[in-house]
C-alpha cells in the first residue's frame, strides 16, 4: 500500500508540474503569439475534460470484465 501511495504521489506531482509549465512552454514555442497559445491551452483543457468524462466508463468496463 505504501509504495502504491508513493507511486500515485509521484504521478500526481508530475501531472501538476506539466500543467504548471505548459503555458510558459507554449509561450516560448509560439514565440509570444498569444492567440496560438490560447488555442493550444483550450485544446489541452478540452482533452482534460474528456478524460474526466471518460474515466467512469473505463472503470465500468474493467469492472464488468473482471473475472
Protein backbone atom coordinates (compact mmCIF):
# COMPACT_ATOMS: atom_id res chain seq x y z
CA UNK A 1 0.00 0.00 0.00
CA UNK A 2 2.82 2.39 0.90
CA UNK A 3 4.57 2.00 -2.47
CA UNK A 4 1.28 2.49 -4.28
CA UNK A 5 0.72 5.76 -2.41
CA UNK A 6 4.28 6.86 -3.24
CA UNK A 7 3.79 5.99 -6.92
CA UNK A 8 0.47 7.84 -7.11
CA UNK A 9 2.00 10.85 -5.36
CA UNK A 10 4.87 10.99 -7.85
CA UNK A 11 2.48 10.68 -10.79
CA UNK A 12 0.28 13.46 -9.38
CA UNK A 13 3.32 15.65 -8.86
CA UNK A 14 4.44 15.06 -12.46
CA UNK A 15 0.95 15.94 -13.69
CA UNK A 16 0.89 19.18 -11.69
CA UNK A 17 4.36 20.05 -12.93
CA UNK A 18 3.25 19.52 -16.53
CA UNK A 19 0.15 21.67 -16.06
CA UNK A 20 2.17 24.37 -14.31
CA UNK A 21 4.84 24.56 -17.01
CA UNK A 22 2.58 24.12 -20.05
CA UNK A 23 1.68 27.77 -20.59
CA UNK A 24 5.25 29.15 -20.38
CA UNK A 25 6.45 26.32 -22.65
CA UNK A 26 3.75 27.05 -25.21
CA UNK A 27 4.52 30.76 -24.98
CA UNK A 28 8.18 30.03 -25.72
CA UNK A 29 7.39 27.66 -28.60
CA UNK A 30 4.83 30.03 -30.15
CA UNK A 31 7.26 32.96 -29.82
CA UNK A 32 4.75 35.13 -27.98
CA UNK A 33 1.73 34.52 -30.23
CA UNK A 34 -0.99 34.72 -27.58
CA UNK A 35 -3.77 33.51 -29.91
CA UNK A 36 -1.86 30.32 -30.70
CA UNK A 37 -1.05 29.74 -27.03
CA UNK A 38 -4.71 30.26 -26.16
CA UNK A 39 -5.79 27.78 -28.83
CA UNK A 40 -3.41 25.11 -27.57
CA UNK A 41 -4.34 25.77 -23.95
CA UNK A 42 -8.04 25.42 -24.79
CA UNK A 43 -7.32 22.17 -26.66
CA UNK A 44 -5.46 20.83 -23.62
CA UNK A 45 -8.33 21.84 -21.32
CA UNK A 46 -10.82 20.10 -23.62
CA UNK A 47 -8.79 16.88 -23.61
CA UNK A 48 -8.58 17.03 -19.80
CA UNK A 49 -12.36 17.41 -19.64
CA UNK A 50 -12.86 14.47 -21.98
CA UNK A 51 -10.57 12.39 -19.76
CA UNK A 52 -12.69 13.20 -16.71
CA UNK A 53 -15.87 12.30 -18.58
CA UNK A 54 -14.45 9.04 -19.98
CA UNK A 55 -12.80 7.77 -16.76
CA UNK A 56 -16.00 6.30 -15.24
CA UNK A 57 -16.65 4.34 -18.46
CA UNK A 58 -13.17 2.84 -18.27
CA UNK A 59 -13.81 1.75 -14.70
CA UNK A 60 -17.19 0.29 -15.63
CA UNK A 61 -15.69 -1.72 -18.49
CA UNK A 62 -12.90 -3.03 -16.27
CA UNK A 63 -15.32 -3.99 -13.52
CA UNK A 64 -17.63 -5.81 -15.91
CA UNK A 65 -14.82 -7.83 -17.49
CA UNK A 66 -13.12 -8.74 -14.20
CA UNK A 67 -13.01 -12.49 -13.68
